């Protein structure tokens, strides 16, 4: 079987990161924004599309951080960080809640999201924290 490609992005706005609550992913944890790559689009296009669809935001300075494999769902997770560019949070129906959380407290909000926590740690490293 070929694993399905999925993007995960940490969107940073000053000292905060956008976290979502999506009960169908984790019941007791917030997560970074993610989505599936669609036929005919690049991975970078997927990131921009998913951020606009799920949160109503535009981003800039997209940076690839590496990949992870999520065995339980047979997904290749392509991980990114990006800077907030513009827009007000406008969540899609599949998002229960979306909010800016300080980078310092983000890890404690992401109890079940192991890949997301790795990404936030990479973001903190990139920012020299």
N, C-alpha and C. Protein backbone atom coordinates (compact mmCIF):
# COMPACT_ATOMS: atom_id res chain seq x y z
N UNK A 1 0.82 -1.20 0.00
CA UNK A 1 0.00 0.00 0.00
C UNK A 1 0.86 1.26 0.00
N UNK A 2 0.41 2.26 -0.71
CA UNK A 2 1.09 3.55 -0.74
C UNK A 2 0.47 4.46 0.31
N UNK A 3 1.29 5.03 1.21
CA UNK A 3 0.73 5.93 2.22
C UNK A 3 0.22 7.21 1.58
N UNK A 4 -0.76 7.82 2.23
CA UNK A 4 -1.37 9.05 1.74
C UNK A 4 -0.58 10.25 2.27
N UNK A 5 -0.22 11.22 1.40
CA UNK A 5 0.50 12.41 1.88
C UNK A 5 -0.43 13.41 2.56
N UNK A 6 0.05 13.94 3.67
CA UNK A 6 -0.73 14.89 4.47
C UNK A 6 0.22 16.00 4.93
N UNK A 7 -0.26 17.22 4.93
CA UNK A 7 0.57 18.34 5.42
C UNK A 7 0.16 18.68 6.85
N UNK A 8 1.12 19.15 7.62
CA UNK A 8 0.87 19.69 8.96
C UNK A 8 1.67 20.98 9.04
N UNK A 9 1.04 22.07 9.50
CA UNK A 9 1.73 23.35 9.53
C UNK A 9 1.53 24.06 10.86
N UNK A 10 2.64 24.57 11.39
CA UNK A 10 2.60 25.44 12.56
C UNK A 10 2.60 26.87 12.04
N UNK A 11 1.50 27.58 12.25
CA UNK A 11 1.38 28.97 11.81
C UNK A 11 1.72 29.86 12.99
N UNK A 12 2.76 30.67 12.82
CA UNK A 12 3.28 31.48 13.91
C UNK A 12 2.91 32.94 13.68
N UNK A 13 2.42 33.56 14.76
CA UNK A 13 2.08 34.99 14.75
C UNK A 13 2.73 35.58 16.00
N UNK A 14 3.83 36.29 15.80
CA UNK A 14 4.63 36.83 16.90
C UNK A 14 5.04 35.67 17.82
N UNK A 15 4.55 35.62 19.05
CA UNK A 15 4.95 34.55 20.00
C UNK A 15 3.84 33.52 20.19
N UNK A 16 2.93 33.43 19.18
CA UNK A 16 1.81 32.51 19.29
C UNK A 16 1.76 31.56 18.10
N UNK A 17 1.07 30.43 18.30
CA UNK A 17 0.88 29.45 17.25
C UNK A 17 -0.62 29.13 17.18
N UNK A 18 -1.12 28.89 15.97
CA UNK A 18 -2.53 28.57 15.79
C UNK A 18 -2.75 27.10 16.14
N UNK A 19 -3.65 26.85 17.09
CA UNK A 19 -4.04 25.48 17.43
C UNK A 19 -5.53 25.30 17.18
N UNK A 20 -5.87 24.11 16.71
CA UNK A 20 -7.26 23.76 16.43
C UNK A 20 -7.73 22.69 17.39
N UNK A 21 -9.01 22.70 17.65
CA UNK A 21 -9.66 21.59 18.37
C UNK A 21 -10.54 20.91 17.33
N UNK A 22 -10.20 19.65 17.05
CA UNK A 22 -10.98 18.86 16.10
C UNK A 22 -11.28 17.53 16.77
N UNK A 23 -12.47 17.42 17.30
CA UNK A 23 -12.82 16.24 18.10
C UNK A 23 -12.72 14.93 17.33
N UNK A 24 -12.85 14.98 16.00
CA UNK A 24 -12.74 13.73 15.25
C UNK A 24 -11.29 13.25 15.14
N UNK A 25 -10.32 14.12 15.45
CA UNK A 25 -8.91 13.71 15.45
C UNK A 25 -8.50 13.26 16.84
N UNK A 26 -8.61 14.16 17.82
CA UNK A 26 -8.29 13.84 19.22
C UNK A 26 -9.36 14.47 20.10
N UNK A 27 -9.87 13.69 21.02
CA UNK A 27 -10.94 14.19 21.89
C UNK A 27 -10.43 15.17 22.94
N UNK A 28 -9.20 14.93 23.43
CA UNK A 28 -8.68 15.71 24.56
C UNK A 28 -7.44 16.53 24.23
N UNK A 29 -7.26 16.87 22.98
CA UNK A 29 -6.03 17.54 22.59
C UNK A 29 -6.29 18.54 21.47
N UNK A 30 -5.52 19.61 21.49
CA UNK A 30 -5.52 20.54 20.37
C UNK A 30 -4.43 20.10 19.39
N UNK A 31 -4.57 20.52 18.15
CA UNK A 31 -3.67 20.07 17.09
C UNK A 31 -3.26 21.24 16.21
N UNK A 32 -2.20 21.02 15.44
CA UNK A 32 -1.83 21.97 14.40
C UNK A 32 -2.74 21.74 13.20
N UNK A 33 -2.79 22.71 12.32
CA UNK A 33 -3.61 22.60 11.13
C UNK A 33 -3.01 21.57 10.18
N UNK A 34 -3.85 20.72 9.62
CA UNK A 34 -3.37 19.67 8.72
C UNK A 34 -4.39 19.42 7.62
N UNK A 35 -3.96 18.70 6.59
CA UNK A 35 -4.86 18.36 5.50
C UNK A 35 -4.19 17.49 4.48
N UNK A 36 -5.00 16.88 3.64
CA UNK A 36 -4.51 15.97 2.61
C UNK A 36 -4.12 16.70 1.35
N UNK A 37 -3.05 16.20 0.72
CA UNK A 37 -2.63 16.70 -0.58
C UNK A 37 -3.64 16.19 -1.62
N UNK A 38 -4.11 17.09 -2.48
CA UNK A 38 -5.08 16.75 -3.51
C UNK A 38 -4.35 16.54 -4.84
N UNK A 39 -4.86 15.63 -5.65
CA UNK A 39 -4.28 15.41 -6.98
C UNK A 39 -4.18 16.73 -7.73
N UNK A 40 -3.04 16.94 -8.37
CA UNK A 40 -2.86 18.12 -9.20
C UNK A 40 -2.29 19.33 -8.50
N UNK A 41 -2.05 19.24 -7.19
CA UNK A 41 -1.48 20.40 -6.50
C UNK A 41 -0.15 20.03 -5.84
N UNK A 42 0.71 21.02 -5.71
CA UNK A 42 1.98 20.79 -5.01
C UNK A 42 1.70 20.77 -3.50
N UNK A 43 2.67 20.28 -2.76
CA UNK A 43 2.53 20.24 -1.31
C UNK A 43 2.41 21.67 -0.76
N UNK A 44 3.17 22.59 -1.32
CA UNK A 44 3.09 23.99 -0.87
C UNK A 44 1.71 24.58 -1.15
N UNK A 45 1.15 24.26 -2.30
CA UNK A 45 -0.21 24.74 -2.61
C UNK A 45 -1.22 24.15 -1.62
N UNK A 46 -1.01 22.90 -1.24
CA UNK A 46 -1.88 22.26 -0.25
C UNK A 46 -1.87 23.03 1.06
N UNK A 47 -0.66 23.42 1.52
CA UNK A 47 -0.56 24.15 2.78
C UNK A 47 -1.38 25.43 2.71
N UNK A 48 -1.17 26.22 1.67
CA UNK A 48 -1.88 27.50 1.54
C UNK A 48 -3.39 27.28 1.45
N UNK A 49 -3.82 26.28 0.67
CA UNK A 49 -5.25 25.99 0.52
C UNK A 49 -5.88 25.56 1.84
N UNK A 50 -5.23 24.63 2.53
CA UNK A 50 -5.78 24.13 3.79
C UNK A 50 -5.87 25.23 4.85
N UNK A 51 -4.86 26.09 4.93
CA UNK A 51 -4.88 27.19 5.91
C UNK A 51 -6.05 28.12 5.62
N UNK A 52 -6.26 28.43 4.34
CA UNK A 52 -7.37 29.31 3.98
C UNK A 52 -8.72 28.62 4.24
N UNK A 53 -8.83 27.34 3.87
CA UNK A 53 -10.10 26.61 4.04
C UNK A 53 -10.45 26.39 5.52
N UNK A 54 -9.48 25.95 6.30
CA UNK A 54 -9.77 25.56 7.68
C UNK A 54 -9.76 26.73 8.66
N UNK A 55 -8.98 27.79 8.36
CA UNK A 55 -8.85 28.88 9.32
C UNK A 55 -9.14 30.26 8.76
N UNK A 56 -9.27 30.40 7.44
CA UNK A 56 -9.56 31.70 6.85
C UNK A 56 -8.37 32.65 6.84
N UNK A 57 -7.16 32.09 6.93
CA UNK A 57 -5.95 32.92 7.03
C UNK A 57 -5.06 32.74 5.80
N UNK A 58 -4.22 33.75 5.56
CA UNK A 58 -3.15 33.60 4.58
C UNK A 58 -1.83 33.59 5.34
N UNK A 59 -0.86 32.90 4.75
CA UNK A 59 0.45 32.73 5.39
C UNK A 59 1.56 33.15 4.44
N UNK A 60 2.75 33.32 5.01
CA UNK A 60 3.94 33.65 4.23
C UNK A 60 5.14 32.92 4.84
N UNK A 61 6.27 32.98 4.15
CA UNK A 61 7.54 32.41 4.64
C UNK A 61 7.39 30.94 5.01
N UNK A 62 6.78 30.16 4.13
CA UNK A 62 6.59 28.73 4.35
C UNK A 62 7.95 28.02 4.37
N UNK A 63 8.16 27.19 5.38
CA UNK A 63 9.45 26.51 5.53
C UNK A 63 9.20 25.03 5.84
N UNK A 64 9.82 24.16 5.06
CA UNK A 64 9.69 22.71 5.26
C UNK A 64 10.55 22.28 6.45
N UNK A 65 9.96 21.49 7.35
CA UNK A 65 10.68 21.05 8.56
C UNK A 65 11.05 19.57 8.55
N UNK A 66 10.49 18.80 7.62
CA UNK A 66 10.79 17.38 7.58
C UNK A 66 9.52 16.56 7.48
N UNK A 67 9.67 15.24 7.58
CA UNK A 67 8.51 14.37 7.46
C UNK A 67 8.45 13.37 8.61
N UNK A 68 7.27 12.85 8.83
CA UNK A 68 7.01 11.82 9.84
C UNK A 68 6.06 10.82 9.21
N UNK A 69 6.03 9.62 9.77
CA UNK A 69 5.07 8.62 9.31
C UNK A 69 4.13 8.28 10.45
N UNK A 70 2.85 8.36 10.18
CA UNK A 70 1.83 8.04 11.17
C UNK A 70 1.30 6.65 10.85
N UNK A 71 1.85 5.66 11.52
CA UNK A 71 1.55 4.26 11.23
C UNK A 71 0.08 3.93 11.40
N UNK A 72 -0.55 4.48 12.44
CA UNK A 72 -1.94 4.14 12.74
C UNK A 72 -2.90 4.52 11.62
N UNK A 73 -2.53 5.51 10.81
CA UNK A 73 -3.41 5.95 9.72
C UNK A 73 -2.75 5.82 8.35
N UNK A 74 -1.54 5.24 8.30
CA UNK A 74 -0.78 5.08 7.06
C UNK A 74 -0.65 6.39 6.30
N UNK A 75 -0.17 7.42 7.02
CA UNK A 75 0.01 8.74 6.44
C UNK A 75 1.46 9.16 6.48
N UNK A 76 1.93 9.79 5.41
CA UNK A 76 3.21 10.48 5.43
C UNK A 76 2.87 11.92 5.77
N UNK A 77 3.40 12.41 6.91
CA UNK A 77 3.11 13.76 7.37
C UNK A 77 4.27 14.68 6.94
N UNK A 78 4.00 15.61 6.04
CA UNK A 78 4.99 16.57 5.58
C UNK A 78 4.81 17.83 6.43
N UNK A 79 5.83 18.15 7.22
CA UNK A 79 5.66 19.17 8.25
C UNK A 79 6.30 20.51 7.86
N UNK A 80 5.60 21.58 8.22
CA UNK A 80 6.00 22.94 7.85
C UNK A 80 5.79 23.91 9.00
N UNK A 81 6.47 25.04 8.89
CA UNK A 81 6.13 26.20 9.70
C UNK A 81 5.92 27.36 8.73
N UNK A 82 5.08 28.32 9.12
CA UNK A 82 4.81 29.49 8.29
C UNK A 82 4.49 30.65 9.20
N UNK A 83 4.68 31.83 8.67
CA UNK A 83 4.33 33.04 9.39
C UNK A 83 2.93 33.47 8.98
N UNK A 84 2.15 33.93 9.95
CA UNK A 84 0.85 34.51 9.68
C UNK A 84 1.04 35.71 8.76
N UNK A 85 0.17 35.86 7.76
CA UNK A 85 0.25 37.01 6.87
C UNK A 85 -0.96 37.93 7.06
N UNK A 86 -2.17 37.38 6.89
CA UNK A 86 -3.35 38.22 7.03
C UNK A 86 -4.60 37.38 7.28
N UNK A 87 -5.66 38.09 7.68
CA UNK A 87 -6.95 37.46 7.87
C UNK A 87 -7.32 37.31 9.33
N UNK A 88 -8.61 37.12 9.54
CA UNK A 88 -9.15 36.83 10.87
C UNK A 88 -9.55 35.37 10.88
N UNK A 89 -9.38 34.71 12.02
CA UNK A 89 -9.74 33.30 12.12
C UNK A 89 -11.22 33.12 11.75
N UNK A 90 -11.45 32.26 10.78
CA UNK A 90 -12.80 31.92 10.33
C UNK A 90 -12.79 30.41 10.10
N UNK A 91 -13.17 29.65 11.12
CA UNK A 91 -12.99 28.20 11.08
C UNK A 91 -14.00 27.51 10.17
N UNK A 92 -13.57 26.41 9.58
CA UNK A 92 -14.45 25.60 8.75
C UNK A 92 -15.33 24.72 9.65
N UNK A 93 -16.39 24.13 9.09
CA UNK A 93 -17.27 23.27 9.90
C UNK A 93 -16.56 22.07 10.53
N UNK A 94 -15.45 21.61 9.94
CA UNK A 94 -14.74 20.46 10.52
C UNK A 94 -13.84 20.85 11.70
N UNK A 95 -13.78 22.13 11.99
CA UNK A 95 -12.96 22.63 13.11
C UNK A 95 -13.90 23.07 14.23
N UNK A 96 -13.71 22.48 15.42
CA UNK A 96 -14.56 22.84 16.56
C UNK A 96 -14.15 24.18 17.17
N UNK A 97 -12.85 24.46 17.16
CA UNK A 97 -12.33 25.70 17.75
C UNK A 97 -10.96 25.98 17.13
N UNK A 98 -10.63 27.24 16.92
CA UNK A 98 -9.31 27.64 16.42
C UNK A 98 -8.91 28.89 17.18
N UNK A 99 -7.68 28.88 17.73
CA UNK A 99 -7.24 30.05 18.51
C UNK A 99 -5.72 30.14 18.53
N UNK A 100 -5.26 31.37 18.75
CA UNK A 100 -3.84 31.62 18.92
C UNK A 100 -3.47 31.29 20.37
N UNK A 101 -2.44 30.46 20.53
CA UNK A 101 -1.96 30.04 21.85
C UNK A 101 -0.48 30.40 21.94
N UNK A 102 -0.03 30.87 23.09
CA UNK A 102 1.39 31.21 23.22
C UNK A 102 2.24 29.96 22.95
N UNK A 103 3.34 30.17 22.28
CA UNK A 103 4.25 29.05 21.97
C UNK A 103 4.68 28.34 23.24
N UNK A 104 4.84 29.10 24.32
CA UNK A 104 5.31 28.51 25.57
C UNK A 104 4.31 27.53 26.17
N UNK A 105 3.01 27.74 25.96
CA UNK A 105 2.02 26.83 26.54
C UNK A 105 1.42 25.86 25.52
N UNK A 106 1.82 25.96 24.25
CA UNK A 106 1.23 25.12 23.21
C UNK A 106 1.43 23.63 23.48
N UNK A 107 2.62 23.25 23.93
CA UNK A 107 2.91 21.83 24.13
C UNK A 107 1.95 21.19 25.14
N UNK A 108 1.60 21.92 26.19
CA UNK A 108 0.71 21.37 27.20
C UNK A 108 -0.74 21.26 26.69
N UNK A 109 -1.07 21.99 25.63
CA UNK A 109 -2.41 21.93 25.04
C UNK A 109 -2.54 20.77 24.03
N UNK A 110 -1.38 20.21 23.63
CA UNK A 110 -1.34 19.21 22.56
C UNK A 110 -1.07 17.82 23.13
N UNK A 111 -1.81 17.44 24.15
CA UNK A 111 -1.55 16.24 24.93
C UNK A 111 -1.37 14.99 24.06
N UNK A 112 -2.26 14.77 23.11
CA UNK A 112 -2.25 13.54 22.32
C UNK A 112 -1.52 13.66 20.98
N UNK A 113 -1.18 14.86 20.58
CA UNK A 113 -0.63 15.10 19.24
C UNK A 113 0.90 15.03 19.25
N UNK A 114 1.45 13.81 19.17
CA UNK A 114 2.90 13.63 19.26
C UNK A 114 3.65 14.30 18.10
N UNK A 115 3.13 14.15 16.88
CA UNK A 115 3.80 14.77 15.74
C UNK A 115 3.72 16.29 15.84
N UNK A 116 2.56 16.81 16.23
CA UNK A 116 2.42 18.26 16.41
C UNK A 116 3.38 18.81 17.44
N UNK A 117 3.58 18.06 18.54
CA UNK A 117 4.52 18.52 19.58
C UNK A 117 5.94 18.57 19.03
N UNK A 118 6.31 17.59 18.20
CA UNK A 118 7.65 17.61 17.58
C UNK A 118 7.82 18.86 16.73
N UNK A 119 6.76 19.21 15.99
CA UNK A 119 6.83 20.38 15.12
C UNK A 119 6.98 21.65 15.94
N UNK A 120 6.21 21.79 17.02
CA UNK A 120 6.31 22.99 17.87
C UNK A 120 7.71 23.09 18.46
N UNK A 121 8.30 21.96 18.85
CA UNK A 121 9.69 21.98 19.36
C UNK A 121 10.65 22.45 18.28
N UNK A 122 10.44 22.01 17.03
CA UNK A 122 11.28 22.48 15.92
C UNK A 122 11.11 23.98 15.69
N UNK A 123 9.86 24.45 15.80
CA UNK A 123 9.60 25.89 15.64
C UNK A 123 10.33 26.68 16.72
N UNK A 124 10.25 26.21 17.96
CA UNK A 124 10.96 26.88 19.04
C UNK A 124 12.47 26.90 18.78
N UNK A 125 13.02 25.81 18.25
CA UNK A 125 14.44 25.76 17.89
C UNK A 125 14.74 26.78 16.79
N UNK A 126 13.87 26.84 15.76
CA UNK A 126 14.07 27.77 14.65
C UNK A 126 14.06 29.23 15.12
N UNK A 127 13.23 29.49 16.12
CA UNK A 127 13.11 30.86 16.65
C UNK A 127 14.16 31.16 17.71
N UNK A 128 15.02 30.16 17.98
CA UNK A 128 16.09 30.36 18.96
C UNK A 128 15.62 30.35 20.39
N UNK A 129 14.59 29.61 20.69
CA UNK A 129 14.05 29.55 22.07
C UNK A 129 14.73 28.45 22.86
